[in-house]
Amino acid sequence: RYQTGAVHPPESRAYPSRYFAFPVLLPAGATQTWWLRVETRKALT
């Protein structure tokens, strides 16, 4: 689990960036499932 966003401190970010970046490590032949819960008042896309 990760929790970050504009209302959270910079230390909440999984990767140092002005965007929200998360490391992906996939072993050979592996499949990984992701869920994102998004709250934003400023985006249509």
ModelCIF file with pLDDT and N, C-alpha, C, O atoms, coordinates in Angstrom:
data_MODEL
#
_entry.id   MODEL 
#
_entity.id                         1 
_entity.type                       polymer 
_entity.pdbx_number_of_molecules   1 
#
_entity_poly.entity_id                      1 
_entity_poly.type                           'polypeptide(L)' 
_entity_poly.nstd_linkage                   no 
_entity_poly.nstd_monomer                   no 
_entity_poly.pdbx_seq_one_letter_code       RYQTGAVHPPESRAYPSRYFAFPVLLPAGATQTWWLRVETRKALT 
_entity_poly.pdbx_seq_one_letter_code_can   RYQTGAVHPPESRAYPSRYFAFPVLLPAGATQTWWLRVETRKALT 
_entity_poly.pdbx_strand_id                 A 
#
loop_
_entity_poly_seq.entity_id 
_entity_poly_seq.num 
_entity_poly_seq.mon_id 
_entity_poly_seq.hetero 
1 1  ARG n 
1 2  TYR n 
1 3  GLN n 
1 4  THR n 
1 5  GLY n 
1 6  ALA n 
1 7  VAL n 
1 8  HIS n 
1 9  PRO n 
1 10 PRO n 
1 11 GLU n 
1 12 SER n 
1 13 ARG n 
1 14 ALA n 
1 15 TYR n 
1 16 PRO n 
1 17 SER n 
1 18 ARG n 
1 19 TYR n 
1 20 PHE n 
1 21 ALA n 
1 22 PHE n 
1 23 PRO n 
1 24 VAL n 
1 25 LEU n 
1 26 LEU n 
1 27 PRO n 
1 28 ALA n 
1 29 GLY n 
1 30 ALA n 
1 31 THR n 
1 32 GLN n 
1 33 THR n 
1 34 TRP n 
1 35 TRP n 
1 36 LEU n 
1 37 ARG n 
1 38 VAL n 
1 39 GLU n 
1 40 THR n 
1 41 ARG n 
1 42 LYS n 
1 43 ALA n 
1 44 LEU n 
1 45 THR n 
#
_struct_asym.id          A 
_struct_asym.entity_id   1 
#
loop_
_ma_qa_metric.id 
_ma_qa_metric.mode 
_ma_qa_metric.name 
_ma_qa_metric.software_group_id 
_ma_qa_metric.type 
1 global pLDDT . pLDDT 
2 local  pLDDT . pLDDT 
#
_ma_qa_metric_global.metric_id      1 
_ma_qa_metric_global.metric_value   91.33 
_ma_qa_metric_global.model_id       1 
_ma_qa_metric_global.ordinal_id     1 
#
loop_
_ma_qa_metric_local.label_asym_id 
_ma_qa_metric_local.label_comp_id 
_ma_qa_metric_local.label_seq_id 
_ma_qa_metric_local.metric_id 
_ma_qa_metric_local.metric_value 
_ma_qa_metric_local.model_id 
_ma_qa_metric_local.ordinal_id 
A ARG 1  2 96.00 1 1  
A TYR 2  2 97.00 1 2  
A GLN 3  2 97.00 1 3  
A THR 4  2 96.00 1 4  
A GLY 5  2 94.00 1 5  
A ALA 6  2 92.00 1 6  
A VAL 7  2 93.00 1 7  
A HIS 8  2 95.00 1 8  
A PRO 9  2 95.00 1 9  
A PRO 10 2 92.00 1 10 
A GLU 11 2 94.00 1 11 
A SER 12 2 95.00 1 12 
A ARG 13 2 95.00 1 13 
A ALA 14 2 95.00 1 14 
A TYR 15 2 94.00 1 15 
A PRO 16 2 92.00 1 16 
A SER 17 2 93.00 1 17 
A ARG 18 2 90.00 1 18 
A TYR 19 2 93.00 1 19 
A PHE 20 2 96.00 1 20 
A ALA 21 2 97.00 1 21 
A PHE 22 2 97.00 1 22 
A PRO 23 2 96.00 1 23 
A VAL 24 2 97.00 1 24 
A LEU 25 2 95.00 1 25 
A LEU 26 2 95.00 1 26 
A PRO 27 2 94.00 1 27 
A ALA 28 2 96.00 1 28 
A GLY 29 2 95.00 1 29 
A ALA 30 2 95.00 1 30 
A THR 31 2 95.00 1 31 
A GLN 32 2 95.00 1 32 
A THR 33 2 96.00 1 33 
A TRP 34 2 96.00 1 34 
A TRP 35 2 96.00 1 35 
A LEU 36 2 96.00 1 36 
A ARG 37 2 94.00 1 37 
A VAL 38 2 91.00 1 38 
A GLU 39 2 88.00 1 39 
A THR 40 2 82.00 1 40 
A ARG 41 2 74.00 1 41 
A LYS 42 2 67.00 1 42 
A ALA 43 2 58.00 1 43 
A LEU 44 2 65.00 1 44 
A THR 45 2 76.00 1 45 
#
loop_
_atom_site.group_PDB 
_atom_site.id 
_atom_site.type_symbol 
_atom_site.label_atom_id 
_atom_site.label_alt_id 
_atom_site.label_comp_id 
_atom_site.label_asym_id 
_atom_site.label_entity_id 
_atom_site.label_seq_id 
_atom_site.pdbx_PDB_ins_code 
_atom_site.Cartn_x 
_atom_site.Cartn_y 
_atom_site.Cartn_z 
_atom_site.occupancy 
_atom_site.B_iso_or_equiv 
_atom_site.pdbx_formal_charge 
_atom_site.auth_seq_id 
_atom_site.auth_comp_id 
_atom_site.auth_asym_id 
_atom_site.auth_atom_id 
_atom_site.pdbx_PDB_model_num 
ATOM 1   N N  . ARG A 1 1  ? 0.833   -1.205  0.000   1.00 96.00 ? 1  ARG A N  1 
ATOM 2   C CA . ARG A 1 1  ? 0.000   0.000   0.000   1.00 96.00 ? 1  ARG A CA 1 
ATOM 3   C C  . ARG A 1 1  ? 0.868   1.256   0.000   1.00 96.00 ? 1  ARG A C  1 
ATOM 4   O O  . ARG A 1 1  ? 1.924   1.315   0.629   1.00 96.00 ? 1  ARG A O  1 
ATOM 5   N N  . TYR A 1 2  ? 0.379   2.255   -0.731  1.00 97.00 ? 2  TYR A N  1 
ATOM 6   C CA . TYR A 1 2  ? 0.945   3.600   -0.705  1.00 97.00 ? 2  TYR A CA 1 
ATOM 7   C C  . TYR A 1 2  ? -0.200  4.588   -0.530  1.00 97.00 ? 2  TYR A C  1 
ATOM 8   O O  . TYR A 1 2  ? -1.306  4.365   -1.022  1.00 97.00 ? 2  TYR A O  1 
ATOM 9   N N  . GLN A 1 3  ? 0.075   5.683   0.177   1.00 97.00 ? 3  GLN A N  1 
ATOM 10  C CA . GLN A 1 3  ? -0.888  6.782   0.246   1.00 97.00 ? 3  GLN A CA 1 
ATOM 11  C C  . GLN A 1 3  ? -0.122  8.089   0.147   1.00 97.00 ? 3  GLN A C  1 
ATOM 12  O O  . GLN A 1 3  ? 0.752   8.377   0.964   1.00 97.00 ? 3  GLN A O  1 
ATOM 13  N N  . THR A 1 4  ? -0.461  8.872   -0.861  1.00 96.00 ? 4  THR A N  1 
ATOM 14  C CA . THR A 1 4  ? 0.221   10.127  -1.103  1.00 96.00 ? 4  THR A CA 1 
ATOM 15  C C  . THR A 1 4  ? -0.777  11.095  -1.725  1.00 96.00 ? 4  THR A C  1 
ATOM 16  O O  . THR A 1 4  ? -1.977  10.821  -1.740  1.00 96.00 ? 4  THR A O  1 
ATOM 17  N N  . GLY A 1 5  ? -0.301  12.205  -2.231  1.00 94.00 ? 5  GLY A N  1 
ATOM 18  C CA . GLY A 1 5  ? -1.179  13.198  -2.838  1.00 94.00 ? 5  GLY A CA 1 
ATOM 19  C C  . GLY A 1 5  ? -0.778  14.601  -2.448  1.00 94.00 ? 5  GLY A C  1 
ATOM 20  O O  . GLY A 1 5  ? 0.123   14.798  -1.633  1.00 94.00 ? 5  GLY A O  1 
ATOM 21  N N  . ALA A 1 6  ? -1.458  15.586  -3.039  1.00 92.00 ? 6  ALA A N  1 
ATOM 22  C CA . ALA A 1 6  ? -1.114  16.985  -2.809  1.00 92.00 ? 6  ALA A CA 1 
ATOM 23  C C  . ALA A 1 6  ? -1.346  17.423  -1.368  1.00 92.00 ? 6  ALA A C  1 
ATOM 24  O O  . ALA A 1 6  ? -0.704  18.361  -0.895  1.00 92.00 ? 6  ALA A O  1 
ATOM 25  N N  . VAL A 1 7  ? -2.264  16.747  -0.661  1.00 93.00 ? 7  VAL A N  1 
ATOM 26  C CA . VAL A 1 7  ? -2.552  17.140  0.722   1.00 93.00 ? 7  VAL A CA 1 
ATOM 27  C C  . VAL A 1 7  ? -1.648  16.420  1.714   1.00 93.00 ? 7  VAL A C  1 
ATOM 28  O O  . VAL A 1 7  ? -1.755  16.648  2.919   1.00 93.00 ? 7  VAL A O  1 
ATOM 29  N N  . HIS A 1 8  ? -0.764  15.558  1.232   1.00 95.00 ? 8  HIS A N  1 
ATOM 30  C CA . HIS A 1 8  ? 0.132   14.807  2.103   1.00 95.00 ? 8  HIS A CA 1 
ATOM 31  C C  . HIS A 1 8  ? 1.546   15.371  2.016   1.00 95.00 ? 8  HIS A C  1 
ATOM 32  O O  . HIS A 1 8  ? 1.893   16.005  1.019   1.00 95.00 ? 8  HIS A O  1 
ATOM 33  N N  . PRO A 1 9  ? 2.372   15.152  3.047   1.00 95.00 ? 9  PRO A N  1 
ATOM 34  C CA . PRO A 1 9  ? 3.739   15.692  3.028   1.00 95.00 ? 9  PRO A CA 1 
ATOM 35  C C  . PRO A 1 9  ? 4.587   15.018  1.954   1.00 95.00 ? 9  PRO A C  1 
ATOM 36  O O  . PRO A 1 9  ? 4.263   13.914  1.518   1.00 95.00 ? 9  PRO A O  1 
ATOM 37  N N  . PRO A 1 10 ? 5.667   15.666  1.523   1.00 92.00 ? 10 PRO A N  1 
ATOM 38  C CA . PRO A 1 10 ? 6.538   15.075  0.491   1.00 92.00 ? 10 PRO A CA 1 
ATOM 39  C C  . PRO A 1 10 ? 7.089   13.706  0.876   1.00 92.00 ? 10 PRO A C  1 
ATOM 40  O O  . PRO A 1 10 ? 7.381   12.884  0.008   1.00 92.00 ? 10 PRO A O  1 
ATOM 41  N N  . GLU A 1 11 ? 7.233   13.462  2.190   1.00 94.00 ? 11 GLU A N  1 
ATOM 42  C CA . GLU A 1 11 ? 7.783   12.187  2.629   1.00 94.00 ? 11 GLU A CA 1 
ATOM 43  C C  . GLU A 1 11 ? 6.873   11.004  2.290   1.00 94.00 ? 11 GLU A C  1 
ATOM 44  O O  . GLU A 1 11 ? 7.298   9.851   2.359   1.00 94.00 ? 11 GLU A O  1 
ATOM 45  N N  . SER A 1 12 ? 5.626   11.291  1.925   1.00 95.00 ? 12 SER A N  1 
ATOM 46  C CA . SER A 1 12 ? 4.701   10.211  1.597   1.00 95.00 ? 12 SER A CA 1 
ATOM 47  C C  . SER A 1 12 ? 4.940   9.637   0.197   1.00 95.00 ? 12 SER A C  1 
ATOM 48  O O  . SER A 1 12 ? 4.368   8.605   -0.154  1.00 95.00 ? 12 SER A O  1 
ATOM 49  N N  . ARG A 1 13 ? 5.767   10.290  -0.591  1.00 95.00 ? 13 ARG A N  1 
ATOM 50  C CA . ARG A 1 13 ? 5.974   9.858   -1.965  1.00 95.00 ? 13 ARG A CA 1 
ATOM 51  C C  . ARG A 1 13 ? 6.937   8.678   -2.021  1.00 95.00 ? 13 ARG A C  1 
ATOM 52  O O  . ARG A 1 13 ? 7.968   8.665   -1.349  1.00 95.00 ? 13 ARG A O  1 
ATOM 53  N N  . ALA A 1 14 ? 6.584   7.696   -2.829  1.00 95.00 ? 14 ALA A N  1 
ATOM 54  C CA . ALA A 1 14 ? 7.393   6.488   -2.933  1.00 95.00 ? 14 ALA A CA 1 
ATOM 55  C C  . ALA A 1 14 ? 8.650   6.709   -3.758  1.00 95.00 ? 14 ALA A C  1 
ATOM 56  O O  . ALA A 1 14 ? 9.584   5.909   -3.700  1.00 95.00 ? 14 ALA A O  1 
ATOM 57  N N  . TYR A 1 15 ? 8.676   7.796   -4.529  1.00 94.00 ? 15 TYR A N  1 
ATOM 58  C CA . TYR A 1 15 ? 9.802   8.083   -5.421  1.00 94.00 ? 15 TYR A CA 1 
ATOM 59  C C  . TYR A 1 15 ? 9.947   9.607   -5.499  1.00 94.00 ? 15 TYR A C  1 
ATOM 60  O O  . TYR A 1 15 ? 8.947   10.312  -5.631  1.00 94.00 ? 15 TYR A O  1 
ATOM 61  N N  . PRO A 1 16 ? 11.183  10.122  -5.418  1.00 92.00 ? 16 PRO A N  1 
ATOM 62  C CA . PRO A 1 16 ? 11.365  11.584  -5.426  1.00 92.00 ? 16 PRO A CA 1 
ATOM 63  C C  . PRO A 1 16 ? 11.053  12.192  -6.793  1.00 92.00 ? 16 PRO A C  1 
ATOM 64  O O  . PRO A 1 16 ? 11.838  12.067  -7.733  1.00 92.00 ? 16 PRO A O  1 
ATOM 65  N N  . SER A 1 17 ? 9.909   12.846  -6.890  1.00 93.00 ? 17 SER A N  1 
ATOM 66  C CA . SER A 1 17 ? 9.480   13.447  -8.148  1.00 93.00 ? 17 SER A CA 1 
ATOM 67  C C  . SER A 1 17 ? 8.402   14.471  -7.848  1.00 93.00 ? 17 SER A C  1 
ATOM 68  O O  . SER A 1 17 ? 7.734   14.390  -6.817  1.00 93.00 ? 17 SER A O  1 
ATOM 69  N N  . ARG A 1 18 ? 8.228   15.441  -8.749  1.00 90.00 ? 18 ARG A N  1 
ATOM 70  C CA . ARG A 1 18 ? 7.120   16.385  -8.571  1.00 90.00 ? 18 ARG A CA 1 
ATOM 71  C C  . ARG A 1 18 ? 5.799   15.740  -8.947  1.00 90.00 ? 18 ARG A C  1 
ATOM 72  O O  . ARG A 1 18 ? 4.735   16.239  -8.578  1.00 90.00 ? 18 ARG A O  1 
ATOM 73  N N  . TYR A 1 19 ? 5.859   14.621  -9.687  1.00 93.00 ? 19 TYR A N  1 
ATOM 74  C CA . TYR A 1 19 ? 4.674   13.816  -9.956  1.00 93.00 ? 19 TYR A CA 1 
ATOM 75  C C  . TYR A 1 19 ? 4.557   12.730  -8.884  1.00 93.00 ? 19 TYR A C  1 
ATOM 76  O O  . TYR A 1 19 ? 5.319   12.719  -7.916  1.00 93.00 ? 19 TYR A O  1 
ATOM 77  N N  . PHE A 1 20 ? 3.608   11.830  -9.062  1.00 96.00 ? 20 PHE A N  1 
ATOM 78  C CA . PHE A 1 20 ? 3.449   10.716  -8.134  1.00 96.00 ? 20 PHE A CA 1 
ATOM 79  C C  . PHE A 1 20 ? 3.920   9.448   -8.835  1.00 96.00 ? 20 PHE A C  1 
ATOM 80  O O  . PHE A 1 20 ? 3.244   8.931   -9.724  1.00 96.00 ? 20 PHE A O  1 
ATOM 81  N N  . ALA A 1 21 ? 5.083   8.954   -8.428  1.00 97.00 ? 21 ALA A N  1 
ATOM 82  C CA . ALA A 1 21 ? 5.725   7.825   -9.095  1.00 97.00 ? 21 ALA A CA 1 
ATOM 83  C C  . ALA A 1 21 ? 5.893   6.673   -8.112  1.00 97.00 ? 21 ALA A C  1 
ATOM 84  O O  . ALA A 1 21 ? 6.128   6.869   -6.920  1.00 97.00 ? 21 ALA A O  1 
ATOM 85  N N  . PHE A 1 22 ? 5.763   5.463   -8.656  1.00 97.00 ? 22 PHE A N  1 
ATOM 86  C CA . PHE A 1 22 ? 5.826   4.259   -7.829  1.00 97.00 ? 22 PHE A CA 1 
ATOM 87  C C  . PHE A 1 22 ? 6.689   3.209   -8.531  1.00 97.00 ? 22 PHE A C  1 
ATOM 88  O O  . PHE A 1 22 ? 6.542   2.992   -9.734  1.00 97.00 ? 22 PHE A O  1 
ATOM 89  N N  . PRO A 1 23 ? 7.588   2.556   -7.788  1.00 96.00 ? 23 PRO A N  1 
ATOM 90  C CA . PRO A 1 23 ? 8.449   1.552   -8.411  1.00 96.00 ? 23 PRO A CA 1 
ATOM 91  C C  . PRO A 1 23 ? 7.669   0.299   -8.802  1.00 96.00 ? 23 PRO A C  1 
ATOM 92  O O  . PRO A 1 23 ? 6.773   -0.144  -8.083  1.00 96.00 ? 23 PRO A O  1 
ATOM 93  N N  . VAL A 1 24 ? 8.027   -0.255  -9.943  1.00 97.00 ? 24 VAL A N  1 
ATOM 94  C CA . VAL A 1 24 ? 7.432   -1.499  -10.436 1.00 97.00 ? 24 VAL A CA 1 
ATOM 95  C C  . VAL A 1 24 ? 8.567   -2.506  -10.630 1.00 97.00 ? 24 VAL A C  1 
ATOM 96  O O  . VAL A 1 24 ? 9.465   -2.280  -11.441 1.00 97.00 ? 24 VAL A O  1 
ATOM 97  N N  . LEU A 1 25 ? 8.527   -3.592  -9.903  1.00 95.00 ? 25 LEU A N  1 
ATOM 98  C CA . LEU A 1 25 ? 9.516   -4.665  -10.029 1.00 95.00 ? 25 LEU A CA 1 
ATOM 99  C C  . LEU A 1 25 ? 8.778   -5.947  -10.362 1.00 95.00 ? 25 LEU A C  1 
ATOM 100 O O  . LEU A 1 25 ? 8.018   -6.467  -9.546  1.00 95.00 ? 25 LEU A O  1 
ATOM 101 N N  . LEU A 1 26 ? 9.006   -6.456  -11.572 1.00 95.00 ? 26 LEU A N  1 
ATOM 102 C CA . LEU A 1 26 ? 8.283   -7.634  -12.027 1.00 95.00 ? 26 LEU A CA 1 
ATOM 103 C C  . LEU A 1 26 ? 9.260   -8.762  -12.353 1.00 95.00 ? 26 LEU A C  1 
ATOM 104 O O  . LEU A 1 26 ? 10.099  -8.608  -13.240 1.00 95.00 ? 26 LEU A O  1 
ATOM 105 N N  . PRO A 1 27 ? 9.166   -9.896  -11.648 1.00 94.00 ? 27 PRO A N  1 
ATOM 106 C CA . PRO A 1 27 ? 9.993   -11.053 -12.014 1.00 94.00 ? 27 PRO A CA 1 
ATOM 107 C C  . PRO A 1 27 ? 9.625   -11.566 -13.400 1.00 94.00 ? 27 PRO A C  1 
ATOM 108 O O  . PRO A 1 27 ? 8.595   -11.183 -13.956 1.00 94.00 ? 27 PRO A O  1 
ATOM 109 N N  . ALA A 1 28 ? 10.459  -12.421 -13.951 1.00 96.00 ? 28 ALA A N  1 
ATOM 110 C CA . ALA A 1 28 ? 10.212  -12.985 -15.276 1.00 96.00 ? 28 ALA A CA 1 
ATOM 111 C C  . ALA A 1 28 ? 8.879   -13.725 -15.297 1.00 96.00 ? 28 ALA A C  1 
ATOM 112 O O  . ALA A 1 28 ? 8.608   -14.554 -14.428 1.00 96.00 ? 28 ALA A O  1 
ATOM 113 N N  . GLY A 1 29 ? 8.050   -13.424 -16.291 1.00 95.00 ? 29 GLY A N  1 
ATOM 114 C CA . GLY A 1 29 ? 6.780   -14.103 -16.465 1.00 95.00 ? 29 GLY A CA 1 
ATOM 115 C C  . GLY A 1 29 ? 5.692   -13.735 -15.483 1.00 95.00 ? 29 GLY A C  1 
ATOM 116 O O  . GLY A 1 29 ? 4.623   -14.345 -15.500 1.00 95.00 ? 29 GLY A O  1 
ATOM 117 N N  . ALA A 1 30 ? 5.930   -12.744 -14.616 1.00 95.00 ? 30 ALA A N  1 
ATOM 118 C CA . ALA A 1 30 ? 4.977   -12.409 -13.554 1.00 95.00 ? 30 ALA A CA 1 
ATOM 119 C C  . ALA A 1 30 ? 3.928   -11.421 -14.037 1.00 95.00 ? 30 ALA A C  1 
ATOM 120 O O  . ALA A 1 30 ? 4.174   -10.612 -14.932 1.00 95.00 ? 30 ALA A O  1 
ATOM 121 N N  . THR A 1 31 ? 2.742   -11.505 -13.418 1.00 95.00 ? 31 THR A N  1 
ATOM 122 C CA . THR A 1 31 ? 1.657   -10.552 -13.642 1.00 95.00 ? 31 THR A CA 1 
ATOM 123 C C  . THR A 1 31 ? 1.327   -9.878  -12.315 1.00 95.00 ? 31 THR A C  1 
ATOM 124 O O  . THR A 1 31 ? 1.253   -10.534 -11.276 1.00 95.00 ? 31 THR A O  1 
ATOM 125 N N  . GLN A 1 32 ? 1.131   -8.570  -12.362 1.00 95.00 ? 32 GLN A N  1 
ATOM 126 C CA . GLN A 1 32 ? 0.903   -7.790  -11.144 1.00 95.00 ? 32 GLN A CA 1 
ATOM 127 C C  . GLN A 1 32 ? -0.379  -6.981  -11.287 1.00 95.00 ? 32 GLN A C  1 
ATOM 128 O O  . GLN A 1 32 ? -0.618  -6.364  -12.325 1.00 95.00 ? 32 GLN A O  1 
ATOM 129 N N  . THR A 1 33 ? -1.205  -6.985  -10.239 1.00 96.00 ? 33 THR A N  1 
ATOM 130 C CA . THR A 1 33 ? -2.480  -6.269  -10.246 1.00 96.00 ? 33 THR A CA 1 
ATOM 131 C C  . THR A 1 33 ? -2.356  -4.984  -9.435  1.00 96.00 ? 33 THR A C  1 
ATOM 132 O O  . THR A 1 33 ? -1.793  -4.978  -8.340  1.00 96.00 ? 33 THR A O  1 
ATOM 133 N N  . TRP A 1 34 ? -2.894  -3.887  -9.992  1.00 96.00 ? 34 TRP A N  1 
ATOM 134 C CA . TRP A 1 34 ? -2.845  -2.581  -9.346  1.00 96.00 ? 34 TRP A CA 1 
ATOM 135 C C  . TRP A 1 34 ? -4.259  -2.033  -9.196  1.00 96.00 ? 34 TRP A C  1 
ATOM 136 O O  . TRP A 1 34 ? -5.090  -2.185  -10.092 1.00 96.00 ? 34 TRP A O  1 
ATOM 137 N N  . TRP A 1 35 ? -4.527  -1.394  -8.055  1.00 96.00 ? 35 TRP A N  1 
ATOM 138 C CA . TRP A 1 35 ? -5.739  -0.611  -7.821  1.00 96.00 ? 35 TRP A CA 1 
ATOM 139 C C  . TRP A 1 35 ? -5.318  0.781   -7.376  1.00 96.00 ? 35 TRP A C  1 
ATOM 140 O O  . TRP A 1 35 ? -4.424  0.918   -6.541  1.00 96.00 ? 35 TRP A O  1 
ATOM 141 N N  . LEU A 1 36 ? -5.945  1.810   -7.919  1.00 96.00 ? 36 LEU A N  1 
ATOM 142 C CA . LEU A 1 36 ? -5.693  3.194   -7.514  1.00 96.00 ? 36 LEU A CA 1 
ATOM 143 C C  . LEU A 1 36 ? -7.001  3.830   -7.085  1.00 96.00 ? 36 LEU A C  1 
ATOM 144 O O  . LEU A 1 36 ? -7.988  3.795   -7.820  1.00 96.00 ? 36 LEU A O  1 
ATOM 145 N N  . ARG A 1 37 ? -7.007  4.412   -5.895  1.00 94.00 ? 37 ARG A N  1 
ATOM 146 C CA . ARG A 1 37 ? -8.146  5.196   -5.422  1.00 94.00 ? 37 ARG A CA 1 
ATOM 147 C C  . ARG A 1 37 ? -7.781  6.667   -5.552  1.00 94.00 ? 37 ARG A C  1 
ATOM 148 O O  . ARG A 1 37 ? -6.812  7.124   -4.946  1.00 94.00 ? 37 ARG A O  1 
ATOM 149 N N  . VAL A 1 38 ? -8.554  7.413   -6.343  1.00 91.00 ? 38 VAL A N  1 
ATOM 150 C CA . VAL A 1 38 ? -8.191  8.775   -6.735  1.00 91.00 ? 38 VAL A CA 1 
ATOM 151 C C  . VAL A 1 38 ? -9.207  9.764   -6.199  1.00 91.00 ? 38 VAL A C  1 
ATOM 152 O O  . VAL A 1 38 ? -10.412 9.593   -6.384  1.00 91.00 ? 38 VAL A O  1 
ATOM 153 N N  . GLU A 1 39 ? -8.719  10.794  -5.538  1.00 88.00 ? 39 GLU A N  1 
ATOM 154 C CA . GLU A 1 39 ? -9.553  11.941  -5.158  1.00 88.00 ? 39 GLU A CA 1 
ATOM 155 C C  . GLU A 1 39 ? -8.898  13.196  -5.722  1.00 88.00 ? 39 GLU A C  1 
ATOM 156 O O  . GLU A 1 39 ? -7.758  13.510  -5.380  1.00 88.00 ? 39 GLU A O  1 
ATOM 157 N N  . THR A 1 40 ? -9.617  13.915  -6.588  1.00 82.00 ? 40 THR A N  1 
ATOM 158 C CA . THR A 1 40 ? -9.097  15.146  -7.146  1.00 82.00 ? 40 THR A CA 1 
ATOM 159 C C  . THR A 1 40 ? -10.251 16.044  -7.543  1.00 82.00 ? 40 THR A C  1 
ATOM 160 O O  . THR A 1 40 ? -11.291 15.569  -8.000  1.00 82.00 ? 40 THR A O  1 
ATOM 161 N N  . ARG A 1 41 ? -10.065 17.345  -7.367  1.00 74.00 ? 41 ARG A N  1 
ATOM 162 C CA . ARG A 1 41 ? -11.072 18.338  -7.754  1.00 74.00 ? 41 ARG A CA 1 
ATOM 163 C C  . ARG A 1 41 ? -10.664 19.078  -9.023  1.00 74.00 ? 41 ARG A C  1 
ATOM 164 O O  . ARG A 1 41 ? -11.374 19.980  -9.467  1.00 74.00 ? 41 ARG A O  1 
ATOM 165 N N  . LYS A 1 42 ? -9.536  18.709  -9.608  1.00 67.00 ? 42 LYS A N  1 
ATOM 166 C CA . LYS A 1 42 ? -8.977  19.536  -10.676 1.00 67.00 ? 42 LYS A CA 1 
ATOM 167 C C  . LYS A 1 42 ? -8.772  18.806  -11.989 1.00 67.00 ? 42 LYS A C  1 
ATOM 168 O O  . LYS A 1 42 ? -8.200  19.384  -12.913 1.00 67.00 ? 42 LYS A O  1 
ATOM 169 N N  . ALA A 1 43 ? -9.212  17.559  -12.115 1.00 58.00 ? 43 ALA A N  1 
ATOM 170 C CA . ALA A 1 43 ? -8.888  16.808  -13.329 1.00 58.00 ? 43 ALA A CA 1 
ATOM 171 C C  . ALA A 1 43 ? -10.122 16.191  -13.962 1.00 58.00 ? 43 ALA A C  1 
ATOM 172 O O  . ALA A 1 43 ? -10.920 15.547  -13.281 1.00 58.00 ? 43 ALA A O  1 
ATOM 173 N N  . LEU A 1 44 ? -10.277 16.387  -15.259 1.00 65.00 ? 44 LEU A N  1 
ATOM 174 C CA . LEU A 1 44 ? -11.249 15.627  -16.037 1.00 65.00 ? 44 LEU A CA 1 
ATOM 175 C C  . LEU A 1 44 ? -10.580 14.425  -16.692 1.00 65.00 ? 44 LEU A C  1 
ATOM 176 O O  . LEU A 1 44 ? -11.243 13.457  -17.065 1.00 65.00 ? 44 LEU A O  1 
ATOM 177 N N  . THR A 1 45 ? -9.262  14.500  -16.826 1.00 76.00 ? 45 THR A N  1 
ATOM 178 C CA . THR A 1 45 ? -8.498  13.359  -17.316 1.00 76.00 ? 45 THR A CA 1 
ATOM 179 C C  . THR A 1 45 ? -7.432  13.008  -16.300 1.00 76.00 ? 45 THR A C  1 
ATOM 180 O O  . THR A 1 45 ? -6.665  12.068  -16.509 1.00 76.00 ? 45 THR A O  1 
#
